[in-house]
Amino acid sequence: MRANLLFKLSGIIVLINGALAAFMSEMFLEGAGMALDADGITTAQAFGASLIALGITVLRFPSFVGNLKEAITTAMMAHTTFVVLIGVHLINGQAEGPTPVINIVLNLIFITLYFMARRKV
C-alpha cells in the first residue's frame, strides 16, 4: 500500500473517532461501557477535538514532511500509543465492549500497514 494512501485512510479513521467523541460523546463512550456525567462529556469533547486535530495532521503529513520514513515512524508511534492506552483500559476494566476492541484492532492494522510501507520507502 502506498504511504500517501495509508496516511489518508489513517487520518480519516482518526477524524471519524474524533467526530464521534466530540459530537456524539455519550454514544461513543457508552459503546465502551462507560457511563458519563457532564464532566465526562466535556472531557470526551476535548478528546474528540484533539483527535480531529490529529486526524488533520495525519492527512497532511505527506504534503509537508520532507522525510517520509520519519513521518511513517511518527504515525506508527501515535498508533502504538493508542494501542497501549486502550489495552490498559481493557485490562483494568475501565473500558469494554465493541468500541475499544474495534479501535485497538484498527490501530494494530495501521501499525502493520505503516511498517510495510516504511520498508518500501
C-alpha atoms as a PDB file:
ATOM      1  CA  MET A   1       0.000   0.000   0.000  1.00  0.00           C
ATOM      2  CA  ARG A   2       1.329   3.455  -0.897  1.00  0.00           C
ATOM      3  CA  ALA A   3       2.245   5.632   2.061  1.00  0.00           C
ATOM      4  CA  ASN A   4       0.131   8.575   0.858  1.00  0.00           C
ATOM      5  CA  LEU A   5      -2.993   6.417   0.712  1.00  0.00           C
ATOM      6  CA  LEU A   6      -2.203   4.960   4.112  1.00  0.00           C
ATOM      7  CA  PHE A   7      -1.930   8.437   5.656  1.00  0.00           C
ATOM      8  CA  LYS A   8      -5.301   9.350   4.135  1.00  0.00           C
ATOM      9  CA  LEU A   9      -7.029   6.210   5.425  1.00  0.00           C
ATOM     10  CA  SER A  10      -5.472   6.534   8.856  1.00  0.00           C
ATOM     11  CA  GLY A  11      -6.360  10.232   9.067  1.00  0.00           C
ATOM     12  CA  ILE A  12      -9.960   9.544   8.076  1.00  0.00           C
ATOM     13  CA  ILE A  13     -10.334   6.872  10.779  1.00  0.00           C
ATOM     14  CA  VAL A  14      -8.897   9.244  13.390  1.00  0.00           C
ATOM     15  CA  LEU A  15     -11.237  12.020  12.161  1.00  0.00           C
ATOM     16  CA  ILE A  16     -14.244   9.712  12.443  1.00  0.00           C
ATOM     17  CA  ASN A  17     -13.289   8.766  16.011  1.00  0.00           C
ATOM     18  CA  GLY A  18     -12.730  12.439  16.813  1.00  0.00           C
ATOM     19  CA  ALA A  19     -16.086  13.489  15.406  1.00  0.00           C
ATOM     20  CA  LEU A  20     -17.868  10.732  17.326  1.00  0.00           C
ATOM     21  CA  ALA A  21     -16.083  11.617  20.574  1.00  0.00           C
ATOM     22  CA  ALA A  22     -16.695  15.353  20.126  1.00  0.00           C
ATOM     23  CA  PHE A  23     -20.248  15.381  18.838  1.00  0.00           C
ATOM     24  CA  MET A  24     -21.738  12.051  19.932  1.00  0.00           C
ATOM     25  CA  SER A  25     -19.823  11.641  23.192  1.00  0.00           C
ATOM     26  CA  GLU A  26     -22.373   9.596  25.094  1.00  0.00           C
ATOM     27  CA  MET A  27     -22.988   7.092  22.296  1.00  0.00           C
ATOM     28  CA  PHE A  28     -19.272   6.770  21.544  1.00  0.00           C
ATOM     29  CA  LEU A  29     -18.183   6.110  25.115  1.00  0.00           C
ATOM     30  CA  GLU A  30     -21.244   4.120  26.167  1.00  0.00           C
ATOM     31  CA  GLY A  31     -20.131   1.721  23.421  1.00  0.00           C
ATOM     32  CA  ALA A  32     -17.014   1.269  25.547  1.00  0.00           C
ATOM     33  CA  GLY A  33     -19.061   0.515  28.651  1.00  0.00           C
ATOM     34  CA  MET A  34     -18.584   3.954  30.218  1.00  0.00           C
ATOM     35  CA  ALA A  35     -21.239   5.999  31.980  1.00  0.00           C
ATOM     36  CA  LEU A  36     -20.788   9.744  31.558  1.00  0.00           C
ATOM     37  CA  ASP A  37     -21.709  12.716  33.665  1.00  0.00           C
ATOM     38  CA  ALA A  38     -21.426  16.337  32.473  1.00  0.00           C
ATOM     39  CA  ASP A  39     -17.682  16.430  33.251  1.00  0.00           C
ATOM     40  CA  GLY A  40     -17.108  13.223  31.307  1.00  0.00           C
ATOM     41  CA  ILE A  41     -18.949  14.603  28.297  1.00  0.00           C
ATOM     42  CA  THR A  42     -16.836  17.763  28.399  1.00  0.00           C
ATOM     43  CA  THR A  43     -13.665  15.668  28.612  1.00  0.00           C
ATOM     44  CA  ALA A  44     -14.822  13.445  25.740  1.00  0.00           C
ATOM     45  CA  GLN A  45     -15.496  16.523  23.623  1.00  0.00           C
ATOM     46  CA  ALA A  46     -11.991  17.860  24.330  1.00  0.00           C
ATOM     47  CA  PHE A  47     -10.555  14.435  23.456  1.00  0.00           C
ATOM     48  CA  GLY A  48     -12.598  14.466  20.259  1.00  0.00           C
ATOM     49  CA  ALA A  49     -11.256  17.889  19.295  1.00  0.00           C
ATOM     50  CA  SER A  50      -7.724  16.589  19.880  1.00  0.00           C
ATOM     51  CA  LEU A  51      -8.424  13.583  17.669  1.00  0.00           C
ATOM     52  CA  ILE A  52      -9.804  15.840  14.944  1.00  0.00           C
ATOM     53  CA  ALA A  53      -6.599  17.915  15.064  1.00  0.00           C
ATOM     54  CA  LEU A  54      -4.509  14.726  14.961  1.00  0.00           C
ATOM     55  CA  GLY A  55      -6.548  13.383  12.030  1.00  0.00           C
ATOM     56  CA  ILE A  56      -5.988  16.572  10.047  1.00  0.00           C
ATOM     57  CA  THR A  57      -2.266  16.393  10.804  1.00  0.00           C
ATOM     58  CA  VAL A  58      -2.043  12.761   9.693  1.00  0.00           C
ATOM     59  CA  LEU A  59      -3.905  13.560   6.480  1.00  0.00           C
ATOM     60  CA  ARG A  60      -1.464  16.395   5.738  1.00  0.00           C
ATOM     61  CA  PHE A  61       1.794  14.630   6.717  1.00  0.00           C
ATOM     62  CA  PRO A  62       2.875  13.696   3.173  1.00  0.00           C
ATOM     63  CA  SER A  63       2.412  17.271   1.905  1.00  0.00           C
ATOM     64  CA  PHE A  64       4.670  18.998   4.434  1.00  0.00           C
ATOM     65  CA  VAL A  65       7.157  16.389   5.606  1.00  0.00           C
ATOM     66  CA  GLY A  66      10.398  16.011   3.683  1.00  0.00           C
ATOM     67  CA  ASN A  67      11.353  12.654   5.165  1.00  0.00           C
ATOM     68  CA  LEU A  68       8.520  10.192   4.549  1.00  0.00           C
ATOM     69  CA  LYS A  69      10.183   7.440   6.611  1.00  0.00           C
ATOM     70  CA  GLU A  70      10.199   9.695   9.664  1.00  0.00           C
ATOM     71  CA  ALA A  71       6.557  10.650   9.066  1.00  0.00           C
ATOM     72  CA  ILE A  72       5.642   6.958   8.897  1.00  0.00           C
ATOM     73  CA  THR A  73       7.579   6.264  12.095  1.00  0.00           C
ATOM     74  CA  THR A  74       5.781   9.130  13.836  1.00  0.00           C
ATOM     75  CA  ALA A  75       2.393   7.784  12.738  1.00  0.00           C
ATOM     76  CA  MET A  76       3.362   4.309  13.958  1.00  0.00           C
ATOM     77  CA  MET A  77       4.298   5.734  17.369  1.00  0.00           C
ATOM     78  CA  ALA A  78       0.966   7.567  17.593  1.00  0.00           C
ATOM     79  CA  HIS A  79      -0.976   4.391  16.798  1.00  0.00           C
ATOM     80  CA  THR A  80       1.160   2.436  19.287  1.00  0.00           C
ATOM     81  CA  THR A  81       0.261   4.968  21.981  1.00  0.00           C
ATOM     82  CA  PHE A  82      -3.423   4.296  21.366  1.00  0.00           C
ATOM     83  CA  VAL A  83      -2.867   0.515  21.442  1.00  0.00           C
ATOM     84  CA  VAL A  84      -1.120   0.765  24.814  1.00  0.00           C
ATOM     85  CA  LEU A  85      -3.742   3.097  26.289  1.00  0.00           C
ATOM     86  CA  ILE A  86      -6.711   1.089  25.024  1.00  0.00           C
ATOM     87  CA  GLY A  87      -5.013  -2.140  26.136  1.00  0.00           C
ATOM     88  CA  VAL A  88      -4.569  -0.783  29.664  1.00  0.00           C
ATOM     89  CA  HIS A  89      -8.211   0.307  29.736  1.00  0.00           C
ATOM     90  CA  LEU A  90      -9.345  -3.147  28.615  1.00  0.00           C
ATOM     91  CA  ILE A  91      -7.106  -4.964  31.100  1.00  0.00           C
ATOM     92  CA  ASN A  92      -8.115  -2.909  34.122  1.00  0.00           C
ATOM     93  CA  GLY A  93     -11.803  -2.886  33.185  1.00  0.00           C
ATOM     94  CA  GLN A  94     -12.144   0.845  32.519  1.00  0.00           C
ATOM     95  CA  ALA A  95     -13.374   0.057  29.006  1.00  0.00           C
ATOM     96  CA  GLU A  96     -15.194  -2.880  27.474  1.00  0.00           C
ATOM     97  CA  GLY A  97     -17.343  -3.719  24.512  1.00  0.00           C
ATOM     98  CA  PRO A  98     -17.034  -3.059  20.799  1.00  0.00           C
ATOM     99  CA  THR A  99     -15.637   0.500  20.746  1.00  0.00           C
ATOM    100  CA  PRO A 100     -12.237  -0.209  22.327  1.00  0.00           C
ATOM    101  CA  VAL A 101     -11.873  -3.598  20.654  1.00  0.00           C
ATOM    102  CA  ILE A 102     -12.553  -2.185  17.189  1.00  0.00           C
ATOM    103  CA  ASN A 103     -10.169   0.709  17.840  1.00  0.00           C
ATOM    104  CA  ILE A 104      -7.352  -1.498  19.098  1.00  0.00           C
ATOM    105  CA  VAL A 105      -7.706  -3.767  16.055  1.00  0.00           C
ATOM    106  CA  LEU A 106      -7.737  -0.785  13.666  1.00  0.00           C
ATOM    107  CA  ASN A 107      -4.643   0.669  15.324  1.00  0.00           C
ATOM    108  CA  LEU A 108      -2.809  -2.660  15.079  1.00  0.00           C
ATOM    109  CA  ILE A 109      -3.739  -2.921  11.399  1.00  0.00           C
ATOM    110  CA  PHE A 110      -2.440   0.593  10.726  1.00  0.00           C
ATOM    111  CA  ILE A 111       0.808  -0.107  12.594  1.00  0.00           C
ATOM    112  CA  THR A 112       1.328  -3.188  10.412  1.00  0.00           C
ATOM    113  CA  LEU A 113       0.486  -1.342   7.185  1.00  0.00           C
ATOM    114  CA  TYR A 114       2.752   1.577   8.108  1.00  0.00           C
ATOM    115  CA  PHE A 115       5.555  -0.866   8.898  1.00  0.00           C
ATOM    116  CA  MET A 116       5.148  -2.472   5.471  1.00  0.00           C
ATOM    117  CA  ALA A 117       5.009   0.929   3.756  1.00  0.00           C
ATOM    118  CA  ARG A 118       8.121   2.119   5.615  1.00  0.00           C
ATOM    119  CA  ARG A 119      10.113  -0.803   4.244  1.00  0.00           C
ATOM    120  CA  LYS A 120       9.222   0.298   0.677  1.00  0.00           C
ATOM    121  CA  VAL A 121      10.170   3.977   1.111  1.00  0.00           C
END
